[in-house]
Amino acid sequence: MLGLEGLRVGAGDFALTADWPVPAGARVAVIGPSGAGKSTLLLAIAGFLPAAAGRVTWQGRDLGPLAPGDRPLSILFQDQNLFPHLTLAQNVGLGLSPALRLTAGDHARVAQVLARVGLAGREDARPGQLSGGEQGRAALARVLLRARPTLLLDEPFAALGPGLKAEMLALVEEIADETGALVLMVTHDPADARRFAPLTVLVERGVAHPPVETAALFADPPPALRDYLGL
């Protein structure tokens, strides 16, 4: 279980609060107006923003002392986190070794995971030679290789067209089902939340509200969500 216990995170003049648990293996959308604190929430969980109060826990363990790379999670940003000077295999291999000191077995695992996401034979390609969808698949391959129990998605597919975005979300869902990973996905699109996430967190005015059933939330949206959706 991921726990946000009296969490308060400050970023300049802005502060975000959250105080709720979410079970392991859940798929949760995070939605709300721009500037409300959605990305701040994910950055705090990942350890890139320190808590001013409270704590983030995983299975009861306080993650506060852990650096981002040591936390039981992976995070995908909008830019896919791919290095343009590295090959596809090297970018994915970073999930095993930040120094790219890979054994023969590691190289075999990289090849296997690239095949898993439909990129077999593209090991030597650079990110600039890949389509947007292929770059998303490469980023997911690295996440799959890391095999962390929590996956944070900060709108990594927002720039993709509707069809390709739906394909990538389906792949994330498939991977989450296979690995049992908890997924928190920031989105501006209610359709994505309905399609992917049984639970949704509404973030507004610096408060990340507890997760509620997605269908119920959109069937009877609170005033802040109603305003955001233009209803």
Protein backbone atom coordinates (compact mmCIF):
# COMPACT_ATOMS: atom_id res chain seq x y z
CA MET A 1 0.00 0.00 0.00
CA LEU A 2 1.12 3.53 -0.80
CA GLY A 3 0.42 5.92 2.07
CA LEU A 4 0.38 9.70 2.07
CA GLU A 5 0.25 10.55 5.76
CA GLY A 6 -0.42 14.20 6.52
CA LEU A 7 1.74 15.06 3.52
CA ARG A 8 2.47 18.72 2.81
CA VAL A 9 4.78 19.77 0.00
CA GLY A 10 5.84 23.34 -0.69
CA ALA A 11 7.07 24.68 -4.03
CA GLY A 12 7.67 28.43 -3.86
CA ASP A 13 4.46 30.13 -2.80
CA PHE A 14 2.46 26.98 -3.57
CA ALA A 15 1.68 24.16 -1.13
CA LEU A 16 -0.01 20.81 -1.73
CA THR A 17 -1.57 18.57 0.92
CA ALA A 18 -2.62 14.92 0.75
CA ASP A 19 -3.67 12.43 3.41
CA TRP A 20 -4.87 9.06 2.11
CA PRO A 21 -3.75 5.52 1.25
CA VAL A 22 -4.10 3.67 -2.03
CA PRO A 23 -3.81 -0.12 -2.30
CA ALA A 24 -1.05 -1.92 -4.15
CA GLY A 25 -2.03 -2.86 -7.67
CA ALA A 26 -4.63 -0.09 -8.05
CA ARG A 27 -4.94 2.06 -11.17
CA VAL A 28 -5.59 5.68 -10.21
CA ALA A 29 -6.11 8.76 -12.40
CA VAL A 30 -5.04 12.17 -11.08
CA ILE A 31 -7.09 14.99 -12.58
CA GLY A 32 -7.65 18.68 -11.98
CA PRO A 33 -6.99 22.19 -13.33
CA SER A 34 -3.58 23.28 -14.53
CA GLY A 35 -1.46 24.48 -11.63
CA ALA A 36 -3.56 22.65 -9.04
CA GLY A 37 -0.67 20.41 -7.94
CA LYS A 38 -0.97 17.18 -9.96
CA SER A 39 2.68 17.02 -11.00
CA THR A 40 3.74 18.24 -7.56
CA LEU A 41 1.97 15.22 -6.06
CA LEU A 42 3.89 12.79 -8.26
CA LEU A 43 7.21 14.56 -7.71
CA ALA A 44 6.69 14.37 -3.94
CA ILE A 45 5.92 10.65 -4.07
CA ALA A 46 8.97 10.09 -6.27
CA GLY A 47 11.21 12.01 -3.88
CA PHE A 48 12.11 14.94 -6.16
CA LEU A 49 10.32 17.36 -3.84
CA PRO A 50 10.92 17.01 -0.07
CA ALA A 51 7.98 16.88 2.30
CA ALA A 52 7.55 19.96 4.49
CA ALA A 53 5.36 17.83 6.77
CA GLY A 54 4.05 14.28 6.91
CA ARG A 55 5.51 11.39 4.97
CA VAL A 56 5.19 9.02 2.03
CA THR A 57 5.19 5.30 2.86
CA TRP A 58 5.22 2.06 0.92
CA GLN A 59 3.98 -1.05 2.73
CA GLY A 60 4.42 0.90 5.97
CA ARG A 61 8.03 1.92 5.28
CA ASP A 62 8.86 5.63 5.34
CA LEU A 63 10.34 6.58 1.96
CA GLY A 64 11.60 9.95 3.18
CA PRO A 65 15.23 8.87 3.71
CA LEU A 66 15.42 7.26 0.25
CA ALA A 67 16.74 9.02 -2.85
CA PRO A 68 14.41 8.95 -5.90
CA GLY A 69 16.39 6.17 -7.57
CA ASP A 70 16.16 3.99 -4.48
CA ARG A 71 12.38 4.27 -4.07
CA PRO A 72 10.15 1.36 -5.12
CA LEU A 73 8.80 3.21 -8.14
CA SER A 74 9.41 4.42 -11.67
CA ILE A 75 8.18 7.71 -13.13
CA LEU A 76 7.52 8.71 -16.74
CA PHE A 77 7.42 12.39 -17.71
CA GLN A 78 6.06 14.02 -20.86
CA ASP A 79 9.51 13.98 -22.51
CA GLN A 80 9.78 10.19 -22.04
CA ASN A 81 13.18 10.52 -20.26
CA LEU A 82 15.12 9.29 -23.31
CA PHE A 83 18.69 10.48 -23.94
CA PRO A 84 19.17 11.45 -27.61
CA HIS A 85 22.85 10.47 -27.75
CA LEU A 86 22.20 6.90 -26.56
CA THR A 87 20.86 4.00 -28.56
CA LEU A 88 17.50 2.50 -27.77
CA ALA A 89 19.16 -0.48 -26.07
CA GLN A 90 21.31 1.85 -23.95
CA ASN A 91 18.35 4.01 -22.95
CA VAL A 92 16.46 0.93 -21.83
CA GLY A 93 19.56 -0.55 -20.19
CA LEU A 94 19.69 2.44 -17.84
CA GLY A 95 16.84 0.75 -16.03
CA LEU A 96 19.31 -1.92 -14.93
CA SER A 97 22.49 0.13 -14.49
CA PRO A 98 22.79 3.94 -14.56
CA ALA A 99 26.45 3.43 -15.53
CA LEU A 100 25.43 1.01 -18.31
CA ARG A 101 27.68 -1.71 -16.92
CA LEU A 102 25.62 -4.53 -18.38
CA THR A 103 26.38 -8.24 -18.40
CA ALA A 104 25.56 -10.56 -21.27
CA GLY A 105 22.48 -11.59 -19.31
CA ASP A 106 21.47 -7.94 -18.94
CA HIS A 107 21.75 -7.39 -22.69
CA ALA A 108 19.54 -10.42 -23.23
CA ARG A 109 16.94 -8.98 -20.84
CA VAL A 110 17.01 -5.66 -22.71
CA ALA A 111 16.40 -7.45 -26.00
CA GLN A 112 13.55 -9.44 -24.45
CA VAL A 113 11.78 -6.40 -23.03
CA LEU A 114 12.14 -4.48 -26.31
CA ALA A 115 10.52 -7.40 -28.08
CA ARG A 116 7.78 -7.36 -25.44
CA VAL A 117 6.82 -3.78 -26.37
CA GLY A 118 7.09 -4.33 -30.12
CA LEU A 119 10.57 -2.88 -30.71
CA ALA A 120 12.54 -6.01 -31.58
CA GLY A 121 15.42 -5.23 -33.93
CA ARG A 122 15.49 -1.50 -33.05
CA GLU A 123 18.23 -1.80 -30.42
CA ASP A 124 20.70 0.43 -32.28
CA ALA A 125 18.21 3.19 -33.19
CA ARG A 126 18.48 6.63 -31.57
CA PRO A 127 15.42 8.33 -30.04
CA GLY A 128 15.39 10.86 -32.89
CA GLN A 129 14.84 8.01 -35.34
CA LEU A 130 11.72 6.82 -33.49
CA SER A 131 8.12 7.91 -33.83
CA GLY A 132 6.30 9.31 -30.82
CA GLY A 133 4.64 5.98 -30.19
CA GLU A 134 7.94 4.13 -30.45
CA GLN A 135 9.53 6.54 -27.97
CA GLY A 136 6.67 5.85 -25.57
CA ARG A 137 7.18 2.12 -25.99
CA ALA A 138 10.90 2.52 -25.30
CA ALA A 139 10.18 4.43 -22.09
CA LEU A 140 7.75 1.72 -21.03
CA ALA A 141 10.35 -0.94 -21.80
CA ARG A 142 12.73 0.67 -19.31
CA VAL A 143 9.95 0.79 -16.71
CA LEU A 144 9.16 -2.87 -17.33
CA LEU A 145 12.82 -3.77 -16.94
CA ARG A 146 13.05 -1.91 -13.61
CA ALA A 147 10.10 -3.96 -12.30
CA ARG A 148 9.20 -1.52 -9.52
CA PRO A 149 5.86 -1.97 -7.72
CA THR A 150 4.68 1.60 -8.37
CA LEU A 151 4.47 3.46 -11.69
CA LEU A 152 3.89 7.22 -11.85
CA LEU A 153 2.78 8.67 -15.19
CA ASP A 154 2.94 12.45 -15.63
CA GLU A 155 1.05 12.73 -18.94
CA PRO A 156 3.76 10.91 -20.93
CA PHE A 157 1.40 10.36 -23.88
CA ALA A 158 -0.29 13.78 -23.94
CA ALA A 159 1.34 14.77 -27.24
CA LEU A 160 0.12 11.64 -29.05
CA GLY A 161 -3.01 11.43 -31.17
CA PRO A 162 -6.13 9.77 -29.71
CA GLY A 163 -5.59 6.40 -31.36
CA LEU A 164 -1.92 6.10 -30.43
CA LYS A 165 -2.59 7.36 -26.90
CA ALA A 166 -5.27 4.70 -26.44
CA GLU A 167 -2.78 2.08 -27.69
CA MET A 168 -0.14 3.22 -25.18
CA LEU A 169 -2.63 3.25 -22.30
CA ALA A 170 -3.69 -0.28 -23.24
CA LEU A 171 -0.03 -1.34 -23.12
CA VAL A 172 0.41 0.29 -19.68
CA GLU A 173 -2.70 -1.52 -18.47
CA GLU A 174 -1.40 -4.81 -19.81
CA ILE A 175 1.98 -4.32 -18.12
CA ALA A 176 0.32 -3.28 -14.84
CA ASP A 177 -1.88 -6.38 -14.91
CA GLU A 178 1.15 -8.60 -15.54
CA THR A 179 3.36 -7.05 -12.85
CA GLY A 180 0.71 -6.05 -10.28
CA ALA A 181 2.09 -2.51 -10.23
CA LEU A 182 0.21 0.38 -8.68
CA VAL A 183 -0.27 3.11 -11.32
CA LEU A 184 -0.93 6.81 -10.67
CA MET A 185 -1.58 8.63 -13.93
CA VAL A 186 -1.87 12.41 -14.29
CA THR A 187 -4.27 13.32 -17.09
CA HIS A 188 -6.29 16.28 -18.34
CA ASP A 189 -8.61 13.99 -20.30
CA PRO A 190 -11.67 12.54 -18.48
CA ALA A 191 -11.92 9.88 -21.20
CA ASP A 192 -8.46 8.58 -20.22
CA ALA A 193 -9.50 8.38 -16.58
CA ARG A 194 -12.69 6.50 -17.46
CA ARG A 195 -10.86 4.13 -19.80
CA PHE A 196 -7.90 3.32 -17.60
CA ALA A 197 -8.53 4.02 -13.92
CA PRO A 198 -11.22 2.58 -11.62
CA LEU A 199 -10.18 5.24 -9.05
CA THR A 200 -9.55 8.96 -9.49
CA VAL A 201 -7.88 11.59 -7.32
CA LEU A 202 -9.16 15.14 -7.80
CA VAL A 203 -6.52 17.82 -7.20
CA GLU A 204 -7.72 21.37 -6.76
CA ARG A 205 -6.56 24.46 -4.88
CA GLY A 206 -3.55 22.67 -3.45
CA VAL A 207 -5.46 19.67 -2.09
CA ALA A 208 -5.15 16.14 -3.47
CA HIS A 209 -8.45 14.61 -2.39
CA PRO A 210 -8.69 10.90 -1.50
CA PRO A 211 -9.28 8.48 -4.39
CA VAL A 212 -12.92 7.79 -5.25
CA GLU A 213 -14.58 5.58 -7.85
CA THR A 214 -14.05 7.16 -11.26
CA ALA A 215 -17.53 6.42 -12.56
CA ALA A 216 -19.19 7.90 -9.48
CA LEU A 217 -16.97 11.00 -9.55
CA PHE A 218 -17.86 11.87 -13.13
CA ALA A 219 -21.51 10.93 -12.70
CA ASP A 220 -21.86 13.51 -9.93
CA PRO A 221 -18.83 15.83 -10.10
CA PRO A 222 -18.15 18.24 -7.22
CA PRO A 223 -18.19 21.97 -8.07
CA ALA A 224 -14.41 22.17 -8.67
CA LEU A 225 -14.48 19.31 -11.17
CA ARG A 226 -17.66 20.61 -12.75
CA ASP A 227 -15.99 23.97 -13.34
CA TYR A 228 -12.88 22.30 -14.73
CA LEU A 229 -14.95 20.20 -17.16
CA GLY A 230 -17.01 23.23 -18.20
CA LEU A 231 -20.29 21.67 -17.12
